[in-house]
Amino acid sequence: MRWYKDRPDVGDMVVVRITDIDKNSAYADLEEYEGLSGLIHISEVSRSWVQDVSKEIDEGEKTVAQVIEDEDGSIALSLKRVKDGQKREAMSRWKKEQKAESFVEDLADRLNTDKEDLYEKAVFPLQKEFGTSFRGFELAVGEEERLKKIFDDEDLIEKIQDVARDNINLKQEKLEGEIELTFLSGDGVKRIKEVFEDVGDGVEVKYVSAPKYSITAWGRNQEMAKDRMDEAVDTFRAKAEELDGEFEFSKA
């Protein structure tokens, strides 16, 4: 799966495949960028002292590197600067984009168009808006308004959603929490209604017993549910503070 940018930015984490190794360096193809390769100098292989690069990494190995320089068309990469979490995130992004390749083929069939034509028309806009095209397909059903912001083709939106329904498990994940909201003023009930009047999509607030309220957020995955929960709580907290209320949130 190609990426929407022609080249990575300095600082980006990129998935690479080691293609050539000598004692002092290694060359690697950038898997998300067609025709691009970079150099890993011996000093950027490991945080520990390295005597021979060929004893540290293997030809054909797929890993994650950080782009540390891009001058005159030459890309310098580092392995030692990549943290474990960054490596997992980059590899996950790449694997999901590989999986999304079949979604694009399916979409091309449904639209009766060439797959290559869909990169500019659909894949790249999804990557820019959602981070990956896979995530764009994953959220297509529940985030239709976001699709409408980037596409003015209703048939394309409908077909993207159809591909998502047929290829991705769209089971909702749920997160729950508890809110305590207190106002000392005489119009406290009115102010509570004001706090909770702007409940976003996929979020529900229910009265439990004064001053407690339950809050539930749903999403296609845990990350989406958490994002919705965090956004709602931040909105409620800011509104409560604006109205001189006391606001506390705790996870269930």
Protein backbone atom coordinates (compact mmCIF):
# COMPACT_ATOMS: atom_id res chain seq x y z
CA MET A 1 0.00 0.00 0.00
CA ARG A 2 1.46 3.34 -1.05
CA TRP A 3 1.54 6.33 1.29
CA TYR A 4 0.05 9.69 0.41
CA LYS A 5 3.41 11.47 0.76
CA ASP A 6 6.13 10.99 -1.84
CA ARG A 7 8.82 11.08 0.84
CA PRO A 8 8.81 10.82 4.65
CA ASP A 9 9.59 13.80 6.85
CA VAL A 10 12.63 13.93 9.08
CA GLY A 11 11.57 12.38 12.39
CA ASP A 12 9.05 9.98 10.85
CA MET A 13 9.01 6.31 11.85
CA VAL A 14 9.09 4.14 8.74
CA VAL A 15 8.90 0.41 8.10
CA VAL A 16 12.02 -0.77 6.27
CA ARG A 17 13.40 -3.97 4.78
CA ILE A 18 17.15 -4.51 5.01
CA THR A 19 18.51 -5.09 1.50
CA ASP A 20 22.30 -4.90 1.76
CA ILE A 21 24.75 -5.05 4.66
CA ASP A 22 28.48 -4.50 5.11
CA LYS A 23 30.60 -4.09 8.19
CA ASN A 24 29.93 -0.36 8.65
CA SER A 25 26.44 0.22 7.29
CA ALA A 26 23.24 -1.21 5.87
CA TYR A 27 20.83 -0.19 3.15
CA ALA A 28 17.09 -0.52 3.56
CA ASP A 29 14.05 -0.06 1.33
CA LEU A 30 11.26 2.08 2.76
CA GLU A 31 8.25 -0.22 2.45
CA GLU A 32 5.63 2.55 2.41
CA TYR A 33 7.41 4.66 -0.21
CA GLU A 34 7.82 3.27 -3.69
CA GLY A 35 11.41 3.38 -4.96
CA LEU A 36 12.92 4.93 -1.82
CA SER A 37 15.81 3.51 0.19
CA GLY A 38 17.99 4.79 3.00
CA LEU A 39 21.32 4.23 4.70
CA ILE A 40 21.78 3.07 8.30
CA HIS A 41 25.26 3.98 9.53
CA ILE A 42 26.95 1.74 12.08
CA SER A 43 26.59 4.50 14.69
CA GLU A 44 22.77 4.38 14.30
CA VAL A 45 22.29 0.62 14.59
CA SER A 46 22.25 0.14 18.35
CA ARG A 47 22.58 2.02 21.62
CA SER A 48 25.34 -0.43 22.45
CA TRP A 49 28.74 -0.43 20.74
CA VAL A 50 28.67 -2.22 17.41
CA GLN A 51 31.77 -3.66 15.75
CA ASP A 52 30.14 -5.23 12.70
CA VAL A 53 26.68 -4.29 11.37
CA SER A 54 26.25 -7.69 9.73
CA LYS A 55 26.31 -9.32 13.17
CA GLU A 56 23.46 -7.08 14.42
CA ILE A 57 20.90 -7.18 11.61
CA ASP A 58 20.05 -9.61 8.81
CA GLU A 59 19.47 -9.08 5.13
CA GLY A 60 15.75 -9.31 4.41
CA GLU A 61 14.84 -8.30 7.98
CA LYS A 62 11.83 -6.04 8.29
CA THR A 63 11.96 -3.48 11.08
CA VAL A 64 11.24 0.16 11.94
CA ALA A 65 13.66 3.05 11.52
CA GLN A 66 13.52 6.77 12.15
CA VAL A 67 14.34 9.21 9.37
CA ILE A 68 17.11 11.41 10.76
CA GLU A 69 18.23 13.21 7.60
CA ASP A 70 17.08 13.78 4.03
CA GLU A 71 19.53 15.89 2.06
CA ASP A 72 20.19 15.92 -1.68
CA GLY A 73 17.90 12.92 -2.11
CA SER A 74 19.84 10.79 0.36
CA ILE A 75 17.89 9.44 3.34
CA ALA A 76 19.69 8.60 6.59
CA LEU A 77 17.97 6.19 8.96
CA SER A 78 18.39 5.20 12.59
CA LEU A 79 17.41 2.01 14.37
CA LYS A 80 18.69 2.93 17.81
CA ARG A 81 16.46 5.99 18.19
CA VAL A 82 13.22 4.00 17.76
CA LYS A 83 11.46 3.21 21.03
CA ASP A 84 9.53 -0.03 21.50
CA GLY A 85 6.15 1.73 21.46
CA GLN A 86 7.01 3.61 18.28
CA LYS A 87 8.11 0.37 16.64
CA ARG A 88 4.86 -1.39 17.54
CA GLU A 89 2.78 1.55 16.31
CA ALA A 90 4.60 1.82 12.97
CA MET A 91 4.47 -1.93 12.33
CA SER A 92 0.77 -2.01 13.22
CA ARG A 93 0.10 0.88 10.82
CA TRP A 94 1.98 -0.88 8.03
CA LYS A 95 0.29 -4.25 8.58
CA LYS A 96 -3.15 -2.66 8.59
CA GLU A 97 -2.37 -0.83 5.36
CA GLN A 98 -1.30 -4.12 3.83
CA LYS A 99 -4.67 -5.55 4.84
CA ALA A 100 -6.44 -2.51 3.45
CA GLU A 101 -4.95 -3.31 0.03
CA SER A 102 -7.67 -5.94 -0.40
CA PHE A 103 -10.31 -3.36 0.64
CA VAL A 104 -9.13 -1.08 -2.17
CA GLU A 105 -9.34 -3.94 -4.67
CA ASP A 106 -12.88 -4.67 -3.47
CA LEU A 107 -13.79 -0.99 -3.73
CA ALA A 108 -12.40 -0.81 -7.27
CA ASP A 109 -14.57 -3.77 -8.28
CA ARG A 110 -17.69 -2.18 -6.79
CA LEU A 111 -17.00 1.12 -8.53
CA ASN A 112 -15.95 -0.60 -11.76
CA THR A 113 -12.74 1.40 -11.86
CA ASP A 114 -9.00 0.73 -11.89
CA LYS A 115 -7.44 0.24 -8.45
CA GLU A 116 -4.60 2.65 -9.22
CA ASP A 117 -7.12 5.42 -9.90
CA LEU A 118 -8.47 5.05 -6.37
CA TYR A 119 -5.25 6.11 -4.66
CA GLU A 120 -5.70 9.79 -5.45
CA LYS A 121 -9.49 9.59 -5.31
CA ALA A 122 -9.98 7.62 -2.07
CA VAL A 123 -6.92 6.05 -0.42
CA PHE A 124 -4.78 9.16 0.06
CA PRO A 125 -7.68 11.29 1.40
CA LEU A 126 -8.50 8.51 3.89
CA GLN A 127 -4.87 8.33 5.02
CA LYS A 128 -4.69 12.10 5.52
CA GLU A 129 -7.98 12.29 7.44
CA PHE A 130 -7.81 9.14 9.56
CA GLY A 131 -4.08 8.35 9.80
CA THR A 132 -4.38 5.17 7.73
CA SER A 133 -6.76 4.05 5.01
CA PHE A 134 -7.56 0.98 7.14
CA ARG A 135 -8.79 3.23 9.94
CA GLY A 136 -10.77 5.20 7.39
CA PHE A 137 -12.60 2.06 6.30
CA GLU A 138 -12.95 0.97 9.95
CA LEU A 139 -14.66 4.22 10.97
CA ALA A 140 -16.57 4.77 7.73
CA VAL A 141 -19.90 3.54 9.05
CA GLY A 142 -19.87 5.42 12.37
CA GLU A 143 -18.11 8.56 11.11
CA GLU A 144 -20.07 9.30 7.95
CA GLU A 145 -19.95 13.06 8.51
CA ARG A 146 -16.15 12.96 8.36
CA LEU A 147 -16.35 11.12 5.05
CA LYS A 148 -18.66 13.80 3.69
CA LYS A 149 -16.06 16.43 4.56
CA ILE A 150 -13.45 14.83 2.34
CA PHE A 151 -15.64 13.28 -0.39
CA ASP A 152 -18.45 14.94 -2.34
CA ASP A 153 -19.29 11.67 -4.10
CA GLU A 154 -22.18 9.93 -2.33
CA ASP A 155 -21.71 6.74 -4.32
CA LEU A 156 -18.05 6.55 -3.26
CA ILE A 157 -19.01 7.03 0.40
CA GLU A 158 -21.68 4.35 0.17
CA LYS A 159 -19.29 1.88 -1.47
CA ILE A 160 -16.58 2.55 1.15
CA GLN A 161 -19.12 1.79 3.86
CA ASP A 162 -20.24 -1.37 2.06
CA VAL A 163 -16.62 -2.58 1.85
CA ALA A 164 -16.19 -1.90 5.58
CA ARG A 165 -19.33 -3.81 6.53
CA ASP A 166 -18.31 -6.80 4.43
CA ASN A 167 -14.65 -6.98 5.45
CA ILE A 168 -14.26 -5.61 8.99
CA ASN A 169 -15.72 -6.75 12.28
CA LEU A 170 -17.56 -3.58 13.29
CA LYS A 171 -18.56 -4.79 16.74
CA GLN A 172 -18.81 -1.87 19.15
CA GLU A 173 -16.44 -1.61 22.09
CA LYS A 174 -17.71 0.07 25.25
CA LEU A 175 -16.10 2.14 28.01
CA GLU A 176 -17.89 3.23 31.18
CA GLY A 177 -17.23 5.80 33.86
CA GLU A 178 -18.82 7.86 36.62
CA ILE A 179 -19.25 11.60 36.93
CA GLU A 180 -19.93 13.59 40.09
CA LEU A 181 -21.33 17.02 39.30
CA THR A 182 -22.31 19.50 42.01
CA PHE A 183 -23.62 23.06 41.95
CA LEU A 184 -24.20 25.03 45.15
CA SER A 185 -26.34 27.66 43.45
CA GLY A 186 -30.13 27.58 43.56
CA ASP A 187 -30.40 26.93 39.82
CA GLY A 188 -28.19 23.85 39.95
CA VAL A 189 -30.58 21.67 37.96
CA LYS A 190 -30.57 24.16 35.11
CA ARG A 191 -26.78 24.31 35.10
CA ILE A 192 -26.48 20.52 35.10
CA LYS A 193 -28.68 20.40 32.00
CA GLU A 194 -26.39 22.97 30.38
CA VAL A 195 -23.32 20.86 31.14
CA PHE A 196 -24.78 17.74 29.56
CA GLU A 197 -26.60 19.37 26.63
CA ASP A 198 -23.68 18.80 24.25
CA VAL A 199 -23.27 15.01 24.34
CA GLY A 200 -21.32 13.84 21.32
CA ASP A 201 -21.99 10.88 19.05
CA GLY A 202 -21.51 7.49 20.68
CA VAL A 203 -21.76 8.89 24.23
CA GLU A 204 -24.58 8.48 26.75
CA VAL A 205 -25.00 10.09 30.19
CA LYS A 206 -27.55 8.80 32.72
CA TYR A 207 -28.60 10.06 36.13
CA VAL A 208 -27.75 7.64 38.97
CA SER A 209 -28.35 9.52 42.22
CA ALA A 210 -27.32 13.02 43.18
CA PRO A 211 -24.61 14.02 42.48
CA LYS A 212 -23.63 10.93 40.44
CA TYR A 213 -24.10 10.23 36.73
CA SER A 214 -22.94 7.29 34.62
CA ILE A 215 -21.23 7.90 31.30
CA THR A 216 -20.81 5.32 28.53
CA ALA A 217 -18.87 5.70 25.28
CA TRP A 218 -18.93 3.32 22.31
CA GLY A 219 -16.55 2.93 19.40
CA ARG A 220 -15.53 0.52 16.68
CA ASN A 221 -12.49 -0.23 18.81
CA GLN A 222 -11.14 0.63 22.26
CA GLU A 223 -9.16 3.57 20.90
CA MET A 224 -12.22 5.16 19.32
CA ALA A 225 -14.31 4.59 22.46
CA LYS A 226 -11.56 6.16 24.58
CA ASP A 227 -11.30 9.17 22.26
CA ARG A 228 -15.04 9.76 22.53
CA MET A 229 -14.98 9.35 26.29
CA ASP A 230 -12.04 11.75 26.69
CA GLU A 231 -13.60 14.35 24.42
CA ALA A 232 -16.94 14.23 26.23
CA VAL A 233 -15.36 14.42 29.70
CA ASP A 234 -13.18 17.37 28.68
CA THR A 235 -16.23 19.17 27.28
CA PHE A 236 -18.32 18.52 30.40
CA ARG A 237 -15.49 19.55 32.73
CA ALA A 238 -14.88 22.84 30.91
CA LYS A 239 -18.59 23.68 30.93
CA ALA A 240 -18.96 22.80 34.62
CA GLU A 241 -16.02 24.99 35.57
CA GLU A 242 -17.42 27.82 33.45
CA LEU A 243 -20.69 27.57 35.42
CA ASP A 244 -18.89 27.39 38.82
CA GLY A 245 -19.59 23.73 39.40
CA GLU A 246 -17.51 20.93 40.93
CA PHE A 247 -16.72 18.14 38.46
CA GLU A 248 -15.09 14.76 39.09
CA PHE A 249 -14.68 11.84 36.71
CA SER A 250 -13.59 8.29 37.43
CA LYS A 251 -13.35 5.21 35.22
CA ALA A 252 -15.65 2.30 35.98
